Amino acid sequence: QVQLVESGGGLVQAGGSLRLSCAASGPIFRWYIMGWFRQAPGKERESVATIRWSGSSTYYVDSVKGRFTISRDNAKNTVYLQMNSLKPEDTAVYYCACAQRLGGEYNYWGQGTQVTVSS
């Protein structure tokens, strides 16, 4: 059973930065896909960024390209989301999730961490 624990959320002014961390435990395999999602009040959850445990392939939603960077530290079993130039519309609960294959369902989810960007 994969377990995911997010940290690093908080309150920041527009233009500021935050780094989210997702510590994974359990059987993580190199072909697994790790993703960051977010859900704002009254909105559907959206995929923000994804990365494989092996390789360098990444995906970003258009609204965060050039501002957010997803990365991983395999030795620490941790995935990061560096968020720069934050905007009020980035305010949401951010979740870390894991899929067992590319294009597969995200079966494992963290508890979420709140990110609030003030204008």
N, C-alpha and C. Protein backbone atom coordinates (compact mmCIF):
# COMPACT_ATOMS: atom_id res chain seq x y z
N GLN A 1 0.85 -1.19 0.00
CA GLN A 1 0.00 0.00 0.00
C GLN A 1 0.88 1.24 0.00
N VAL A 2 0.70 2.08 -1.01
CA VAL A 2 1.46 3.33 -1.10
C VAL A 2 0.80 4.38 -0.20
N GLN A 3 1.61 5.08 0.55
CA GLN A 3 1.11 6.18 1.37
C GLN A 3 1.82 7.46 0.98
N LEU A 4 1.05 8.55 0.90
CA LEU A 4 1.58 9.83 0.46
C LEU A 4 1.26 10.90 1.50
N VAL A 5 2.24 11.69 1.85
CA VAL A 5 2.05 12.76 2.83
C VAL A 5 2.59 14.06 2.26
N GLU A 6 1.72 15.04 2.09
CA GLU A 6 2.12 16.34 1.55
C GLU A 6 2.50 17.29 2.69
N SER A 7 3.33 18.24 2.36
CA SER A 7 3.68 19.32 3.28
C SER A 7 4.14 20.52 2.47
N GLY A 8 4.21 21.67 3.14
CA GLY A 8 4.77 22.85 2.49
C GLY A 8 3.77 23.90 2.09
N GLY A 9 2.49 23.65 2.27
CA GLY A 9 1.50 24.66 1.93
C GLY A 9 1.54 25.82 2.90
N GLY A 10 0.77 26.86 2.58
CA GLY A 10 0.72 28.01 3.47
C GLY A 10 0.14 29.21 2.78
N LEU A 11 0.32 30.37 3.42
CA LEU A 11 -0.18 31.64 2.92
C LEU A 11 0.99 32.43 2.37
N VAL A 12 0.85 32.93 1.15
CA VAL A 12 1.92 33.70 0.52
C VAL A 12 1.29 34.83 -0.29
N GLN A 13 2.01 35.92 -0.44
CA GLN A 13 1.54 37.03 -1.25
C GLN A 13 1.74 36.72 -2.74
N ALA A 14 0.93 37.33 -3.55
CA ALA A 14 1.08 37.19 -5.00
C ALA A 14 2.50 37.54 -5.42
N GLY A 15 3.05 36.72 -6.30
CA GLY A 15 4.43 36.90 -6.73
C GLY A 15 5.43 36.10 -5.92
N GLY A 16 4.98 35.53 -4.82
CA GLY A 16 5.85 34.76 -3.96
C GLY A 16 6.01 33.33 -4.41
N SER A 17 6.72 32.55 -3.59
CA SER A 17 7.02 31.16 -3.92
C SER A 17 6.72 30.24 -2.75
N LEU A 18 6.42 29.02 -3.09
CA LEU A 18 6.27 27.94 -2.12
C LEU A 18 6.81 26.67 -2.75
N ARG A 19 7.29 25.75 -1.89
CA ARG A 19 7.67 24.43 -2.39
C ARG A 19 6.89 23.38 -1.61
N LEU A 20 6.12 22.60 -2.34
CA LEU A 20 5.38 21.51 -1.76
C LEU A 20 6.21 20.23 -1.83
N SER A 21 6.08 19.40 -0.81
CA SER A 21 6.77 18.11 -0.78
C SER A 21 5.74 17.00 -0.63
N CYS A 22 6.04 15.86 -1.23
CA CYS A 22 5.18 14.68 -1.11
C CYS A 22 6.08 13.50 -0.78
N ALA A 23 6.02 13.06 0.46
CA ALA A 23 6.82 11.92 0.89
C ALA A 23 6.03 10.64 0.66
N ALA A 24 6.64 9.72 -0.08
CA ALA A 24 5.97 8.46 -0.42
C ALA A 24 6.59 7.31 0.35
N SER A 25 5.74 6.41 0.77
CA SER A 25 6.21 5.18 1.42
C SER A 25 5.43 4.00 0.86
N GLY A 26 6.03 2.82 1.01
CA GLY A 26 5.39 1.64 0.45
C GLY A 26 6.06 1.24 -0.85
N PRO A 27 5.46 0.32 -1.59
CA PRO A 27 6.07 -0.20 -2.82
C PRO A 27 5.93 0.75 -4.00
N ILE A 28 6.96 1.58 -4.21
CA ILE A 28 6.98 2.51 -5.33
C ILE A 28 7.89 1.92 -6.41
N PHE A 29 7.36 1.78 -7.62
CA PHE A 29 8.15 1.23 -8.71
C PHE A 29 8.49 2.31 -9.73
N ARG A 30 9.55 2.12 -10.46
CA ARG A 30 10.10 3.17 -11.32
C ARG A 30 9.13 3.59 -12.41
N TRP A 31 8.16 2.75 -12.77
CA TRP A 31 7.24 3.12 -13.84
C TRP A 31 6.01 3.87 -13.29
N TYR A 32 5.94 4.05 -12.00
CA TYR A 32 4.81 4.76 -11.42
C TYR A 32 4.85 6.23 -11.85
N ILE A 33 3.68 6.81 -11.94
CA ILE A 33 3.53 8.21 -12.27
C ILE A 33 3.10 8.97 -11.02
N MET A 34 3.79 10.05 -10.72
CA MET A 34 3.43 10.89 -9.58
C MET A 34 2.84 12.19 -10.10
N GLY A 35 1.79 12.63 -9.47
CA GLY A 35 1.14 13.84 -9.94
C GLY A 35 0.76 14.78 -8.80
N TRP A 36 0.72 16.04 -9.14
CA TRP A 36 0.18 17.06 -8.24
C TRP A 36 -1.14 17.54 -8.85
N PHE A 37 -2.16 17.57 -8.02
CA PHE A 37 -3.48 18.04 -8.42
C PHE A 37 -3.87 19.18 -7.49
N ARG A 38 -4.87 19.95 -7.89
CA ARG A 38 -5.38 20.97 -7.00
C ARG A 38 -6.89 21.12 -7.19
N GLN A 39 -7.52 21.57 -6.13
CA GLN A 39 -8.96 21.81 -6.18
C GLN A 39 -9.26 23.09 -5.42
N ALA A 40 -9.80 24.06 -6.14
CA ALA A 40 -10.22 25.32 -5.55
C ALA A 40 -11.69 25.22 -5.16
N PRO A 41 -12.15 26.04 -4.21
CA PRO A 41 -13.55 26.00 -3.81
C PRO A 41 -14.49 26.20 -4.99
N GLY A 42 -15.45 25.31 -5.12
CA GLY A 42 -16.44 25.42 -6.18
C GLY A 42 -15.95 25.00 -7.55
N LYS A 43 -14.73 24.49 -7.62
CA LYS A 43 -14.18 24.07 -8.91
C LYS A 43 -13.83 22.59 -8.90
N GLU A 44 -13.72 22.02 -10.09
CA GLU A 44 -13.31 20.64 -10.19
C GLU A 44 -11.81 20.50 -9.95
N ARG A 45 -11.45 19.33 -9.50
CA ARG A 45 -10.02 19.05 -9.32
C ARG A 45 -9.33 19.00 -10.67
N GLU A 46 -8.13 19.57 -10.74
CA GLU A 46 -7.39 19.56 -12.00
C GLU A 46 -5.98 19.06 -11.78
N SER A 47 -5.45 18.44 -12.82
CA SER A 47 -4.07 17.99 -12.80
C SER A 47 -3.16 19.19 -13.04
N VAL A 48 -2.16 19.35 -12.19
CA VAL A 48 -1.24 20.48 -12.30
C VAL A 48 0.07 20.07 -12.96
N ALA A 49 0.64 18.97 -12.50
CA ALA A 49 1.92 18.51 -13.03
C ALA A 49 2.10 17.04 -12.72
N THR A 50 2.82 16.33 -13.60
CA THR A 50 3.11 14.93 -13.37
C THR A 50 4.55 14.62 -13.73
N ILE A 51 5.08 13.54 -13.15
CA ILE A 51 6.44 13.10 -13.42
C ILE A 51 6.52 11.60 -13.17
N ARG A 52 7.41 10.93 -13.90
CA ARG A 52 7.63 9.51 -13.65
C ARG A 52 8.71 9.37 -12.58
N TRP A 53 8.66 8.24 -11.86
CA TRP A 53 9.71 7.99 -10.88
C TRP A 53 11.06 7.79 -11.58
N SER A 54 11.04 7.31 -12.81
CA SER A 54 12.29 7.19 -13.57
C SER A 54 12.15 8.02 -14.84
N GLY A 55 13.23 8.51 -15.34
CA GLY A 55 13.19 9.32 -16.54
C GLY A 55 12.90 10.77 -16.22
N SER A 56 12.81 11.58 -17.25
CA SER A 56 12.67 13.02 -17.07
C SER A 56 11.36 13.56 -17.64
N SER A 57 10.48 12.68 -18.06
CA SER A 57 9.24 13.13 -18.68
C SER A 57 8.34 13.82 -17.66
N THR A 58 7.91 15.03 -18.02
CA THR A 58 7.01 15.78 -17.14
C THR A 58 5.86 16.35 -17.95
N TYR A 59 4.81 16.71 -17.23
CA TYR A 59 3.63 17.35 -17.82
C TYR A 59 3.22 18.50 -16.92
N TYR A 60 2.79 19.62 -17.54
CA TYR A 60 2.26 20.75 -16.79
C TYR A 60 0.98 21.24 -17.46
N VAL A 61 0.02 21.62 -16.67
CA VAL A 61 -1.15 22.29 -17.21
C VAL A 61 -0.70 23.67 -17.70
N ASP A 62 -1.34 24.16 -18.73
CA ASP A 62 -0.89 25.41 -19.36
C ASP A 62 -0.80 26.58 -18.37
N SER A 63 -1.70 26.63 -17.43
CA SER A 63 -1.77 27.79 -16.52
C SER A 63 -0.57 27.90 -15.58
N VAL A 64 0.23 26.83 -15.45
CA VAL A 64 1.38 26.89 -14.55
C VAL A 64 2.71 26.76 -15.27
N LYS A 65 2.69 26.56 -16.57
CA LYS A 65 3.94 26.40 -17.33
C LYS A 65 4.81 27.64 -17.17
N GLY A 66 6.10 27.40 -16.90
CA GLY A 66 7.03 28.50 -16.71
C GLY A 66 7.06 29.03 -15.30
N ARG A 67 6.12 28.61 -14.46
CA ARG A 67 6.08 29.08 -13.06
C ARG A 67 6.29 27.94 -12.07
N PHE A 68 5.77 26.77 -12.38
CA PHE A 68 5.87 25.61 -11.48
C PHE A 68 6.86 24.60 -12.06
N THR A 69 7.55 23.89 -11.15
CA THR A 69 8.47 22.84 -11.56
C THR A 69 8.26 21.62 -10.66
N ILE A 70 8.01 20.48 -11.30
CA ILE A 70 7.89 19.23 -10.56
C ILE A 70 9.22 18.50 -10.64
N SER A 71 9.62 17.91 -9.53
CA SER A 71 10.88 17.17 -9.50
C SER A 71 10.77 16.04 -8.48
N ARG A 72 11.75 15.18 -8.46
CA ARG A 72 11.71 14.07 -7.51
C ARG A 72 13.11 13.81 -6.99
N ASP A 73 13.14 13.21 -5.79
CA ASP A 73 14.39 12.75 -5.20
C ASP A 73 14.16 11.28 -4.88
N ASN A 74 14.65 10.40 -5.76
CA ASN A 74 14.38 8.97 -5.58
C ASN A 74 14.96 8.44 -4.29
N ALA A 75 16.09 8.97 -3.87
CA ALA A 75 16.72 8.48 -2.64
C ALA A 75 15.85 8.77 -1.42
N LYS A 76 15.11 9.86 -1.49
CA LYS A 76 14.25 10.25 -0.37
C LYS A 76 12.79 9.85 -0.61
N ASN A 77 12.52 9.24 -1.76
CA ASN A 77 11.13 8.88 -2.11
C ASN A 77 10.20 10.09 -1.97
N THR A 78 10.66 11.22 -2.48
CA THR A 78 9.92 12.46 -2.32
C THR A 78 9.77 13.16 -3.67
N VAL A 79 8.58 13.69 -3.90
CA VAL A 79 8.30 14.48 -5.09
C VAL A 79 8.03 15.91 -4.64
N TYR A 80 8.51 16.86 -5.40
CA TYR A 80 8.38 18.27 -5.04
C TYR A 80 7.59 19.02 -6.12
N LEU A 81 6.98 20.11 -5.70
CA LEU A 81 6.38 21.05 -6.63
C LEU A 81 6.85 22.45 -6.22
N GLN A 82 7.79 22.97 -6.98
CA GLN A 82 8.26 24.33 -6.74
C GLN A 82 7.33 25.29 -7.46
N MET A 83 6.75 26.20 -6.72
CA MET A 83 5.77 27.13 -7.27
C MET A 83 6.30 28.55 -7.13
N ASN A 84 6.56 29.19 -8.25
CA ASN A 84 7.06 30.56 -8.28
C ASN A 84 6.03 31.48 -8.92
N SER A 85 6.21 32.76 -8.71
CA SER A 85 5.30 33.77 -9.31
C SER A 85 3.84 33.40 -9.05
N LEU A 86 3.55 33.08 -7.82
CA LEU A 86 2.20 32.62 -7.49
C LEU A 86 1.17 33.72 -7.69
N LYS A 87 -0.01 33.28 -8.10
CA LYS A 87 -1.13 34.19 -8.37
C LYS A 87 -2.31 33.82 -7.46
N PRO A 88 -3.20 34.76 -7.20
CA PRO A 88 -4.37 34.43 -6.37
C PRO A 88 -5.16 33.24 -6.92
N GLU A 89 -5.17 33.08 -8.24
CA GLU A 89 -5.92 31.96 -8.83
C GLU A 89 -5.25 30.61 -8.61
N ASP A 90 -4.06 30.60 -8.03
CA ASP A 90 -3.40 29.34 -7.66
C ASP A 90 -3.90 28.84 -6.30
N THR A 91 -4.70 29.65 -5.63
CA THR A 91 -5.23 29.24 -4.33
C THR A 91 -6.07 27.99 -4.46
N ALA A 92 -5.74 26.97 -3.68
CA ALA A 92 -6.43 25.68 -3.77
C ALA A 92 -5.85 24.74 -2.72
N VAL A 93 -6.50 23.61 -2.55
CA VAL A 93 -5.90 22.50 -1.82
C VAL A 93 -5.13 21.68 -2.85
N TYR A 94 -3.87 21.44 -2.56
CA TYR A 94 -3.00 20.69 -3.47
C TYR A 94 -2.83 19.27 -2.95
N TYR A 95 -2.99 18.32 -3.86
CA TYR A 95 -2.89 16.92 -3.52
C TYR A 95 -1.78 16.25 -4.32
N CYS A 96 -1.10 15.33 -3.69
CA CYS A 96 -0.15 14.46 -4.35
C CYS A 96 -0.85 13.13 -4.61
N ALA A 97 -0.58 12.52 -5.76
CA ALA A 97 -1.23 11.27 -6.09
C ALA A 97 -0.28 10.39 -6.90
N CYS A 98 -0.59 9.10 -6.93
CA CYS A 98 0.26 8.11 -7.60
C CYS A 98 -0.58 7.21 -8.49
N ALA A 99 -0.14 7.04 -9.72
CA ALA A 99 -0.76 6.10 -10.65
C ALA A 99 0.24 4.99 -10.95
N GLN A 100 -0.26 3.80 -11.14
CA GLN A 100 0.64 2.66 -11.34
C GLN A 100 1.09 2.51 -12.78
N ARG A 101 0.52 3.30 -13.68
CA ARG A 101 0.97 3.27 -15.07
C ARG A 101 0.54 4.55 -15.75
N LEU A 102 1.23 4.88 -16.82
CA LEU A 102 0.90 6.07 -17.59
C LEU A 102 -0.51 5.93 -18.16
N GLY A 103 -1.32 6.92 -17.93
CA GLY A 103 -2.70 6.89 -18.39
C GLY A 103 -3.64 6.13 -17.48
N GLY A 104 -3.10 5.58 -16.42
CA GLY A 104 -3.91 4.82 -15.48
C GLY A 104 -4.58 5.70 -14.44
N GLU A 105 -5.43 5.09 -13.66
CA GLU A 105 -6.12 5.82 -12.60
C GLU A 105 -5.15 6.10 -11.47
N TYR A 106 -5.33 7.27 -10.86
CA TYR A 106 -4.53 7.59 -9.68
C TYR A 106 -5.19 6.92 -8.48
N ASN A 107 -4.53 5.86 -7.99
CA ASN A 107 -5.12 5.04 -6.95
C ASN A 107 -4.80 5.52 -5.55
N TYR A 108 -3.70 6.24 -5.41
CA TYR A 108 -3.25 6.63 -4.09
C TYR A 108 -3.18 8.15 -4.00
N TRP A 109 -3.69 8.67 -2.88
CA TRP A 109 -3.77 10.12 -2.70
C TRP A 109 -3.29 10.51 -1.32
N GLY A 110 -2.70 11.69 -1.25
CA GLY A 110 -2.36 12.27 0.03
C GLY A 110 -3.56 13.00 0.61
N GLN A 111 -3.35 13.59 1.77
CA GLN A 111 -4.45 14.26 2.47
C GLN A 111 -4.67 15.68 1.99
N GLY A 112 -3.72 16.22 1.26
CA GLY A 112 -3.85 17.58 0.73
C GLY A 112 -3.19 18.61 1.63
N THR A 113 -2.76 19.70 1.01
CA THR A 113 -2.18 20.82 1.74
C THR A 113 -2.71 22.11 1.12
N GLN A 114 -3.11 23.04 1.98
CA GLN A 114 -3.74 24.28 1.53
C GLN A 114 -2.68 25.28 1.08
N VAL A 115 -2.90 25.84 -0.09
CA VAL A 115 -2.08 26.95 -0.59
C VAL A 115 -3.01 28.15 -0.79
N THR A 116 -2.70 29.25 -0.15
CA THR A 116 -3.49 30.46 -0.27
C THR A 116 -2.58 31.59 -0.72
N VAL A 117 -2.96 32.23 -1.83
CA VAL A 117 -2.18 33.33 -2.39
C VAL A 117 -3.01 34.60 -2.27
N SER A 118 -2.51 35.55 -1.52
CA SER A 118 -3.23 36.81 -1.32
C SER A 118 -2.80 37.83 -2.34
N SER A 119 -3.74 38.69 -2.71
CA SER A 119 -3.45 39.71 -3.74
C SER A 119 -2.91 40.98 -3.12
